[in-house]
């Protein structure tokens, strides 16, 4: 019985950590993509001026 409870707790914790990591990765990727788009837009505007 103790092994079953330990296994359930372990996999629940593992799943929670994986979901949190996935969420943080997605958030970080969104921020990086937004900054990259802004940088590309700035380069494009500079090229149009010349």
N, C-alpha and C. Protein backbone atom coordinates (compact mmCIF):
# COMPACT_ATOMS: atom_id res chain seq x y z
N UNK A 1 0.83 -1.21 0.00
CA UNK A 1 0.00 0.00 0.00
C UNK A 1 0.87 1.26 0.00
N UNK A 2 1.93 1.24 0.82
CA UNK A 2 2.81 2.41 0.89
C UNK A 2 3.50 2.67 -0.45
N UNK A 3 3.85 1.59 -1.15
CA UNK A 3 4.51 1.74 -2.45
C UNK A 3 3.56 2.39 -3.45
N UNK A 4 2.30 2.03 -3.42
CA UNK A 4 1.31 2.60 -4.34
C UNK A 4 1.13 4.09 -4.06
N UNK A 5 1.01 4.46 -2.79
CA UNK A 5 0.86 5.87 -2.43
C UNK A 5 2.10 6.66 -2.83
N UNK A 6 3.28 6.10 -2.57
CA UNK A 6 4.53 6.77 -2.95
C UNK A 6 4.60 6.95 -4.47
N UNK A 7 4.23 5.90 -5.22
CA UNK A 7 4.27 5.98 -6.68
C UNK A 7 3.31 7.05 -7.21
N UNK A 8 2.12 7.08 -6.66
CA UNK A 8 1.14 8.08 -7.10
C UNK A 8 1.64 9.50 -6.79
N UNK A 9 2.19 9.69 -5.60
CA UNK A 9 2.73 11.01 -5.23
C UNK A 9 3.90 11.40 -6.13
N UNK A 10 4.78 10.45 -6.40
CA UNK A 10 5.94 10.73 -7.24
C UNK A 10 5.51 11.14 -8.65
N UNK A 11 4.63 10.37 -9.26
CA UNK A 11 4.22 10.67 -10.62
C UNK A 11 3.38 11.95 -10.70
N UNK A 12 2.61 12.22 -9.65
CA UNK A 12 1.86 13.48 -9.61
C UNK A 12 2.82 14.67 -9.53
N UNK A 13 3.83 14.56 -8.68
CA UNK A 13 4.83 15.62 -8.56
C UNK A 13 5.61 15.77 -9.87
N UNK A 14 6.01 14.64 -10.45
CA UNK A 14 6.75 14.66 -11.71
C UNK A 14 5.92 15.32 -12.81
N UNK A 15 4.64 14.95 -12.91
CA UNK A 15 3.76 15.53 -13.93
C UNK A 15 3.60 17.03 -13.71
N UNK A 16 3.46 17.45 -12.45
CA UNK A 16 3.33 18.87 -12.14
C UNK A 16 4.57 19.66 -12.53
N UNK A 17 5.74 19.11 -12.23
CA UNK A 17 6.99 19.78 -12.60
C UNK A 17 7.12 19.87 -14.11
N UNK A 18 6.77 18.81 -14.81
CA UNK A 18 6.85 18.82 -16.28
C UNK A 18 5.88 19.84 -16.88
N UNK A 19 4.67 19.92 -16.34
CA UNK A 19 3.70 20.89 -16.84
C UNK A 19 4.17 22.32 -16.57
N UNK A 20 4.73 22.56 -15.39
CA UNK A 20 5.24 23.89 -15.06
C UNK A 20 6.41 24.26 -15.98
N UNK A 21 7.31 23.30 -16.21
CA UNK A 21 8.44 23.54 -17.12
C UNK A 21 7.97 23.84 -18.53
N UNK A 22 6.96 23.13 -18.99
CA UNK A 22 6.41 23.36 -20.32
C UNK A 22 5.81 24.75 -20.42
N UNK A 23 5.09 25.16 -19.38
CA UNK A 23 4.47 26.48 -19.37
C UNK A 23 5.54 27.58 -19.38
N UNK A 24 6.59 27.41 -18.56
CA UNK A 24 7.65 28.41 -18.51
C UNK A 24 8.40 28.48 -19.85
N UNK A 25 8.62 27.33 -20.47
CA UNK A 25 9.29 27.30 -21.77
C UNK A 25 8.45 28.03 -22.82
N UNK A 26 7.15 27.80 -22.80
CA UNK A 26 6.26 28.45 -23.76
C UNK A 26 6.27 29.97 -23.54
N UNK A 27 6.23 30.39 -22.27
CA UNK A 27 6.24 31.82 -21.95
C UNK A 27 7.54 32.46 -22.42
N UNK A 28 8.66 31.81 -22.14
CA UNK A 28 9.96 32.34 -22.55
C UNK A 28 10.05 32.42 -24.07
N UNK A 29 9.56 31.40 -24.77
CA UNK A 29 9.59 31.39 -26.22
C UNK A 29 8.74 32.52 -26.79
N UNK A 30 7.60 32.79 -26.19
CA UNK A 30 6.73 33.88 -26.64
C UNK A 30 7.44 35.23 -26.49
N UNK A 31 8.11 35.43 -25.35
CA UNK A 31 8.82 36.70 -25.12
C UNK A 31 9.96 36.86 -26.13
N UNK A 32 10.73 35.79 -26.36
CA UNK A 32 11.85 35.85 -27.30
C UNK A 32 11.35 36.14 -28.71
N UNK A 33 10.27 35.48 -29.12
CA UNK A 33 9.72 35.71 -30.46
C UNK A 33 9.23 37.14 -30.62
N UNK A 34 8.61 37.69 -29.58
CA UNK A 34 8.12 39.06 -29.66
C UNK A 34 9.28 40.04 -29.83
N UNK A 35 10.35 39.81 -29.06
CA UNK A 35 11.52 40.70 -29.17
C UNK A 35 12.18 40.56 -30.53
N UNK A 36 12.23 39.33 -31.06
CA UNK A 36 12.83 39.11 -32.38
C UNK A 36 12.01 39.81 -33.46
N UNK A 37 10.68 39.72 -33.36
CA UNK A 37 9.82 40.39 -34.34
C UNK A 37 10.02 41.90 -34.29
N UNK A 38 10.13 42.46 -33.08
CA UNK A 38 10.35 43.90 -32.95
C UNK A 38 11.70 44.29 -33.55
N UNK A 39 12.72 43.47 -33.32
CA UNK A 39 14.05 43.76 -33.87
C UNK A 39 14.03 43.69 -35.39
N UNK A 40 13.37 42.68 -35.95
CA UNK A 40 13.28 42.57 -37.41
C UNK A 40 12.51 43.74 -38.01
N UNK A 41 11.46 44.18 -37.33
CA UNK A 41 10.70 45.33 -37.81
C UNK A 41 11.58 46.59 -37.82
N UNK A 42 12.39 46.75 -36.79
CA UNK A 42 13.29 47.89 -36.71
C UNK A 42 14.31 47.85 -37.84
N UNK A 43 14.87 46.69 -38.13
CA UNK A 43 15.83 46.54 -39.23
C UNK A 43 15.16 46.85 -40.56
N UNK A 44 13.94 46.35 -40.73
CA UNK A 44 13.21 46.59 -41.98
C UNK A 44 12.95 48.09 -42.19
N UNK A 45 12.60 48.79 -41.10
CA UNK A 45 12.35 50.23 -41.21
C UNK A 45 13.63 50.97 -41.55
N UNK A 46 14.75 50.55 -40.99
CA UNK A 46 16.03 51.20 -41.29
C UNK A 46 16.41 50.97 -42.76
N UNK A 47 16.12 49.78 -43.26
CA UNK A 47 16.45 49.50 -44.67
C UNK A 47 15.56 50.30 -45.62
N UNK A 48 14.32 50.57 -45.24
CA UNK A 48 13.42 51.35 -46.08
C UNK A 48 13.87 52.82 -46.15
N UNK A 49 14.50 53.31 -45.08
CA UNK A 49 14.97 54.70 -45.07
C UNK A 49 16.11 54.91 -46.06
N UNK A 50 16.93 53.87 -46.27
CA UNK A 50 18.08 54.01 -47.16
C UNK A 50 17.74 53.74 -48.58
